[in-house]
Amino acid sequence: MRRLAVAAAALLLAGCVGQPDATTPQPVQAVEVQRYLGTWHEVARLPMWAQDSASVSCEDVTATYMPRPDGRIGVLNRCLNALDGDKPREARGQAYAVEGSSNARLRVSFFRPFYGDYWVIGLDPDYRWAVVGEPSRRWLWVLSRTPRLPEAEFQRAIGIARANGYDLAPLKVARQQRG
């Protein structure tokens, strides 16, 4: 009887850990990593501490993803700090796909051993743009292969964010998208 209770508790806990529920953003079905690799331009974002603070306002942001020999993904984020004469800034990190997510949910670290969620919740079929978020909906990025995203595609991307429950009132549209 005790063994059955322990097994039941383990199954219950396993069901509660690491799986999205109906109230969390829903990642896309799958991401082909080889197609996702390369450079993406940030078109819009929800403000976040690493890019928006009293001393930092990142503009002209790019994120470059590259394969690593250990099977993980290398990450290089670059921007110009508008609050410091457009001085270049960069952050290097690494990511890995969450098992069972078909590469749609990743864990990213810029400060090991700390990892954050990176969920691809929207993806153009031709990998021209992507919408990236995380379970709490605090952070969101709309990325494009080009510095500017046509308005119809931009509206489609933010529609995906809105449908996933993101509050877009504080959305910051990137300088390159504004013109």
C-alpha atoms as a PDB file:
ATOM      1  CA  MET A   1       0.000   0.000   0.000  1.00  0.00           C
ATOM      2  CA  ARG A   2       2.785   2.408   0.922  1.00  0.00           C
ATOM      3  CA  ARG A   3       4.609   1.622  -2.330  1.00  0.00           C
ATOM      4  CA  LEU A   4       1.409   2.430  -4.281  1.00  0.00           C
ATOM      5  CA  ALA A   5       1.012   5.743  -2.431  1.00  0.00           C
ATOM      6  CA  VAL A   6       4.626   6.694  -3.200  1.00  0.00           C
ATOM      7  CA  ALA A   7       4.167   5.751  -6.860  1.00  0.00           C
ATOM      8  CA  ALA A   8       0.935   7.753  -7.086  1.00  0.00           C
ATOM      9  CA  ALA A   9       2.596  10.778  -5.489  1.00  0.00           C
ATOM     10  CA  ALA A  10       5.537  10.507  -7.895  1.00  0.00           C
ATOM     11  CA  LEU A  11       3.193  10.390 -10.888  1.00  0.00           C
ATOM     12  CA  LEU A  12       1.241  13.372  -9.582  1.00  0.00           C
ATOM     13  CA  LEU A  13       4.417  15.407  -9.072  1.00  0.00           C
ATOM     14  CA  ALA A  14       5.785  14.419 -12.474  1.00  0.00           C
ATOM     15  CA  GLY A  15       2.634  15.766 -14.075  1.00  0.00           C
ATOM     16  CA  CYS A  16       3.099  19.113 -12.331  1.00  0.00           C
ATOM     17  CA  VAL A  17       6.724  19.737 -13.252  1.00  0.00           C
ATOM     18  CA  GLY A  18       7.967  21.222 -16.494  1.00  0.00           C
ATOM     19  CA  GLN A  19       4.841  20.879 -18.600  1.00  0.00           C
ATOM     20  CA  PRO A  20       2.909  23.870 -19.895  1.00  0.00           C
ATOM     21  CA  ASP A  21      -0.725  24.084 -18.839  1.00  0.00           C
ATOM     22  CA  ALA A  22      -3.679  25.817 -20.452  1.00  0.00           C
ATOM     23  CA  THR A  23      -2.734  29.143 -18.868  1.00  0.00           C
ATOM     24  CA  THR A  24       0.857  29.260 -20.175  1.00  0.00           C
ATOM     25  CA  PRO A  25       1.933  30.370 -23.642  1.00  0.00           C
ATOM     26  CA  GLN A  26       1.992  27.507 -26.096  1.00  0.00           C
ATOM     27  CA  PRO A  27       5.188  26.814 -28.046  1.00  0.00           C
ATOM     28  CA  VAL A  28       5.055  25.889 -31.709  1.00  0.00           C
ATOM     29  CA  GLN A  29       4.927  22.183 -32.593  1.00  0.00           C
ATOM     30  CA  ALA A  30       8.601  21.958 -33.587  1.00  0.00           C
ATOM     31  CA  VAL A  31      11.643  24.018 -34.531  1.00  0.00           C
ATOM     32  CA  GLU A  32      14.214  22.796 -37.032  1.00  0.00           C
ATOM     33  CA  VAL A  33      17.399  23.940 -35.326  1.00  0.00           C
ATOM     34  CA  GLN A  34      19.474  24.085 -38.520  1.00  0.00           C
ATOM     35  CA  ARG A  35      16.928  26.463 -40.070  1.00  0.00           C
ATOM     36  CA  TYR A  36      16.728  28.565 -36.886  1.00  0.00           C
ATOM     37  CA  LEU A  37      20.505  29.068 -36.630  1.00  0.00           C
ATOM     38  CA  GLY A  38      21.973  32.318 -37.910  1.00  0.00           C
ATOM     39  CA  THR A  39      21.267  35.978 -37.248  1.00  0.00           C
ATOM     40  CA  TRP A  40      17.907  37.436 -36.251  1.00  0.00           C
ATOM     41  CA  HIS A  41      17.024  41.119 -35.851  1.00  0.00           C
ATOM     42  CA  GLU A  42      14.858  42.228 -32.961  1.00  0.00           C
ATOM     43  CA  VAL A  43      11.741  43.961 -34.299  1.00  0.00           C
ATOM     44  CA  ALA A  44       9.993  44.472 -30.954  1.00  0.00           C
ATOM     45  CA  ARG A  45      10.225  43.410 -27.319  1.00  0.00           C
ATOM     46  CA  LEU A  46       8.663  43.782 -23.954  1.00  0.00           C
ATOM     47  CA  PRO A  47      11.083  45.826 -21.834  1.00  0.00           C
ATOM     48  CA  MET A  48      13.453  43.740 -19.737  1.00  0.00           C
ATOM     49  CA  TRP A  49      16.261  44.538 -17.319  1.00  0.00           C
ATOM     50  CA  ALA A  50      19.205  43.506 -19.539  1.00  0.00           C
ATOM     51  CA  GLN A  51      18.057  45.707 -22.420  1.00  0.00           C
ATOM     52  CA  ASP A  52      16.146  48.507 -20.702  1.00  0.00           C
ATOM     53  CA  SER A  53      17.310  50.262 -17.549  1.00  0.00           C
ATOM     54  CA  ALA A  54      18.471  53.640 -16.296  1.00  0.00           C
ATOM     55  CA  SER A  55      21.805  53.115 -18.080  1.00  0.00           C
ATOM     56  CA  VAL A  56      20.899  50.827 -20.998  1.00  0.00           C
ATOM     57  CA  SER A  57      18.529  51.177 -23.913  1.00  0.00           C
ATOM     58  CA  CYS A  58      19.374  48.537 -26.488  1.00  0.00           C
ATOM     59  CA  GLU A  59      18.689  49.456 -30.103  1.00  0.00           C
ATOM     60  CA  ASP A  60      19.574  47.728 -33.380  1.00  0.00           C
ATOM     61  CA  VAL A  61      19.549  44.397 -31.559  1.00  0.00           C
ATOM     62  CA  THR A  62      20.646  41.165 -33.195  1.00  0.00           C
ATOM     63  CA  ALA A  63      20.749  37.625 -31.855  1.00  0.00           C
ATOM     64  CA  THR A  64      22.998  35.101 -33.571  1.00  0.00           C
ATOM     65  CA  TYR A  65      22.606  31.387 -32.907  1.00  0.00           C
ATOM     66  CA  MET A  66      25.362  28.973 -33.878  1.00  0.00           C
ATOM     67  CA  PRO A  67      26.073  25.269 -33.364  1.00  0.00           C
ATOM     68  CA  ARG A  68      28.551  24.289 -30.658  1.00  0.00           C
ATOM     69  CA  PRO A  69      30.750  21.182 -30.644  1.00  0.00           C
ATOM     70  CA  ASP A  70      28.991  19.906 -27.492  1.00  0.00           C
ATOM     71  CA  GLY A  71      25.614  19.854 -29.278  1.00  0.00           C
ATOM     72  CA  ARG A  72      24.324  22.991 -27.591  1.00  0.00           C
ATOM     73  CA  ILE A  73      23.591  26.280 -29.305  1.00  0.00           C
ATOM     74  CA  GLY A  74      25.895  29.261 -28.942  1.00  0.00           C
ATOM     75  CA  VAL A  75      24.143  32.612 -28.486  1.00  0.00           C
ATOM     76  CA  LEU A  76      25.565  36.041 -29.276  1.00  0.00           C
ATOM     77  CA  ASN A  77      23.326  39.033 -28.579  1.00  0.00           C
ATOM     78  CA  ARG A  78      24.464  42.447 -29.784  1.00  0.00           C
ATOM     79  CA  CYS A  79      22.996  45.926 -29.520  1.00  0.00           C
ATOM     80  CA  LEU A  80      23.841  49.609 -29.511  1.00  0.00           C
ATOM     81  CA  ASN A  81      23.237  51.379 -26.203  1.00  0.00           C
ATOM     82  CA  ALA A  82      21.236  54.493 -27.113  1.00  0.00           C
ATOM     83  CA  LEU A  83      21.893  55.924 -23.632  1.00  0.00           C
ATOM     84  CA  ASP A  84      25.663  55.743 -24.149  1.00  0.00           C
ATOM     85  CA  GLY A  85      26.181  57.246 -27.608  1.00  0.00           C
ATOM     86  CA  ASP A  86      25.225  54.001 -29.395  1.00  0.00           C
ATOM     87  CA  LYS A  87      28.164  52.200 -27.805  1.00  0.00           C
ATOM     88  CA  PRO A  88      28.142  48.503 -28.820  1.00  0.00           C
ATOM     89  CA  ARG A  89      27.230  45.894 -26.207  1.00  0.00           C
ATOM     90  CA  GLU A  90      27.248  42.137 -26.460  1.00  0.00           C
ATOM     91  CA  ALA A  91      26.355  39.135 -24.381  1.00  0.00           C
ATOM     92  CA  ARG A  92      27.458  35.567 -25.066  1.00  0.00           C
ATOM     93  CA  GLY A  93      25.579  32.548 -23.849  1.00  0.00           C
ATOM     94  CA  GLN A  94      24.466  29.042 -24.638  1.00  0.00           C
ATOM     95  CA  ALA A  95      21.215  27.167 -24.983  1.00  0.00           C
ATOM     96  CA  TYR A  96      19.904  23.641 -25.107  1.00  0.00           C
ATOM     97  CA  ALA A  97      16.551  22.213 -26.164  1.00  0.00           C
ATOM     98  CA  VAL A  98      14.233  20.922 -23.465  1.00  0.00           C
ATOM     99  CA  GLU A  99      13.790  17.184 -23.893  1.00  0.00           C
ATOM    100  CA  GLY A 100      10.461  16.294 -25.506  1.00  0.00           C
ATOM    101  CA  SER A 101       9.808  19.834 -26.820  1.00  0.00           C
ATOM    102  CA  SER A 102      10.852  19.205 -30.444  1.00  0.00           C
ATOM    103  CA  ASN A 103      13.273  22.123 -29.989  1.00  0.00           C
ATOM    104  CA  ALA A 104      10.457  24.641 -29.397  1.00  0.00           C
ATOM    105  CA  ARG A 105      11.392  25.186 -25.736  1.00  0.00           C
ATOM    106  CA  LEU A 106      14.961  26.011 -24.866  1.00  0.00           C
ATOM    107  CA  ARG A 107      16.879  26.883 -21.742  1.00  0.00           C
ATOM    108  CA  VAL A 108      19.326  29.767 -22.243  1.00  0.00           C
ATOM    109  CA  SER A 109      22.139  30.945 -20.004  1.00  0.00           C
ATOM    110  CA  PHE A 110      24.231  34.094 -20.118  1.00  0.00           C
ATOM    111  CA  PHE A 111      25.293  33.708 -16.479  1.00  0.00           C
ATOM    112  CA  ARG A 112      26.010  30.064 -15.721  1.00  0.00           C
ATOM    113  CA  PRO A 113      24.706  28.186 -13.838  1.00  0.00           C
ATOM    114  CA  PHE A 114      21.476  30.205 -14.225  1.00  0.00           C
ATOM    115  CA  TYR A 115      19.165  29.350 -17.113  1.00  0.00           C
ATOM    116  CA  GLY A 116      16.009  31.020 -18.362  1.00  0.00           C
ATOM    117  CA  ASP A 117      13.177  29.851 -20.570  1.00  0.00           C
ATOM    118  CA  TYR A 118      13.160  30.635 -24.292  1.00  0.00           C
ATOM    119  CA  TRP A 119       9.986  29.382 -25.939  1.00  0.00           C
ATOM    120  CA  VAL A 120       9.324  29.791 -29.637  1.00  0.00           C
ATOM    121  CA  ILE A 121       5.581  30.552 -29.605  1.00  0.00           C
ATOM    122  CA  GLY A 122       5.307  31.758 -33.194  1.00  0.00           C
ATOM    123  CA  LEU A 123       7.336  30.883 -36.267  1.00  0.00           C
ATOM    124  CA  ASP A 124       6.880  31.777 -39.906  1.00  0.00           C
ATOM    125  CA  PRO A 125       6.833  28.584 -42.036  1.00  0.00           C
ATOM    126  CA  ASP A 126       9.834  29.918 -43.989  1.00  0.00           C
ATOM    127  CA  TYR A 127      11.663  30.974 -40.798  1.00  0.00           C
ATOM    128  CA  ARG A 128      11.499  34.668 -41.789  1.00  0.00           C
ATOM    129  CA  TRP A 129      10.264  35.721 -38.336  1.00  0.00           C
ATOM    130  CA  ALA A 130       9.756  34.257 -34.882  1.00  0.00           C
ATOM    131  CA  VAL A 131       7.973  35.165 -31.666  1.00  0.00           C
ATOM    132  CA  VAL A 132       9.838  34.178 -28.514  1.00  0.00           C
ATOM    133  CA  GLY A 133       8.475  34.283 -24.989  1.00  0.00           C
ATOM    134  CA  GLU A 134       8.534  32.492 -21.664  1.00  0.00           C
ATOM    135  CA  PRO A 135       5.931  30.994 -19.312  1.00  0.00           C
ATOM    136  CA  SER A 136       5.361  34.020 -17.051  1.00  0.00           C
ATOM    137  CA  ARG A 137       4.791  36.342 -20.030  1.00  0.00           C
ATOM    138  CA  ARG A 138       7.207  38.944 -18.611  1.00  0.00           C
ATOM    139  CA  TRP A 139       9.467  38.852 -21.657  1.00  0.00           C
ATOM    140  CA  LEU A 140       8.735  38.708 -25.340  1.00  0.00           C
ATOM    141  CA  TRP A 141      10.711  39.248 -28.517  1.00  0.00           C
ATOM    142  CA  VAL A 142       9.594  39.494 -32.132  1.00  0.00           C
ATOM    143  CA  LEU A 143      12.540  38.533 -34.328  1.00  0.00           C
ATOM    144  CA  SER A 144      13.061  38.788 -38.073  1.00  0.00           C
ATOM    145  CA  ARG A 145      15.738  37.667 -40.506  1.00  0.00           C
ATOM    146  CA  THR A 146      15.781  41.225 -41.830  1.00  0.00           C
ATOM    147  CA  PRO A 147      16.012  44.526 -39.898  1.00  0.00           C
ATOM    148  CA  ARG A 148      12.469  45.447 -40.938  1.00  0.00           C
ATOM    149  CA  LEU A 149       9.408  43.220 -40.972  1.00  0.00           C
ATOM    150  CA  PRO A 150       6.535  44.065 -43.333  1.00  0.00           C
ATOM    151  CA  GLU A 151       3.604  45.501 -41.363  1.00  0.00           C
ATOM    152  CA  ALA A 152       1.253  42.592 -42.171  1.00  0.00           C
ATOM    153  CA  GLU A 153       3.824  40.076 -40.905  1.00  0.00           C
ATOM    154  CA  PHE A 154       4.502  42.198 -37.817  1.00  0.00           C
ATOM    155  CA  GLN A 155       0.782  42.290 -37.038  1.00  0.00           C
ATOM    156  CA  ARG A 156       0.578  38.521 -37.499  1.00  0.00           C
ATOM    157  CA  ALA A 157       3.495  38.026 -35.086  1.00  0.00           C
ATOM    158  CA  ILE A 158       2.085  40.277 -32.365  1.00  0.00           C
ATOM    159  CA  GLY A 159      -1.314  38.652 -32.891  1.00  0.00           C
ATOM    160  CA  ILE A 160       0.314  35.370 -31.854  1.00  0.00           C
ATOM    161  CA  ALA A 161       1.694  37.050 -28.734  1.00  0.00           C
ATOM    162  CA  ARG A 162      -1.707  38.537 -27.914  1.00  0.00           C
ATOM    163  CA  ALA A 163      -3.410  35.150 -28.437  1.00  0.00           C
ATOM    164  CA  ASN A 164      -0.905  33.674 -25.955  1.00  0.00           C
ATOM    165  CA  GLY A 165      -1.979  36.167 -23.298  1.00  0.00           C
ATOM    166  CA  TYR A 166       0.806  38.753 -23.510  1.00  0.00           C
ATOM    167  CA  ASP A 167       0.035  42.340 -22.494  1.00  0.00           C
ATOM    168  CA  LEU A 168       1.431  44.314 -25.409  1.00  0.00           C
ATOM    169  CA  ALA A 169       0.793  47.797 -23.991  1.00  0.00           C
ATOM    170  CA  PRO A 170       4.484  48.234 -23.021  1.00  0.00           C
ATOM    171  CA  LEU A 171       5.750  46.719 -26.315  1.00  0.00           C
ATOM    172  CA  LYS A 172       8.872  48.521 -27.509  1.00  0.00           C
ATOM    173  CA  VAL A 173       9.198  48.640 -31.291  1.00  0.00           C
ATOM    174  CA  ALA A 174      12.817  48.498 -32.448  1.00  0.00           C
ATOM    175  CA  ARG A 175      14.518  51.542 -33.924  1.00  0.00           C
ATOM    176  CA  GLN A 176      15.230  49.739 -37.197  1.00  0.00           C
ATOM    177  CA  GLN A 177      11.520  48.861 -37.500  1.00  0.00           C
ATOM    178  CA  ARG A 178      10.488  52.469 -36.857  1.00  0.00           C
ATOM    179  CA  GLY A 179      12.704  53.635 -39.722  1.00  0.00           C
END
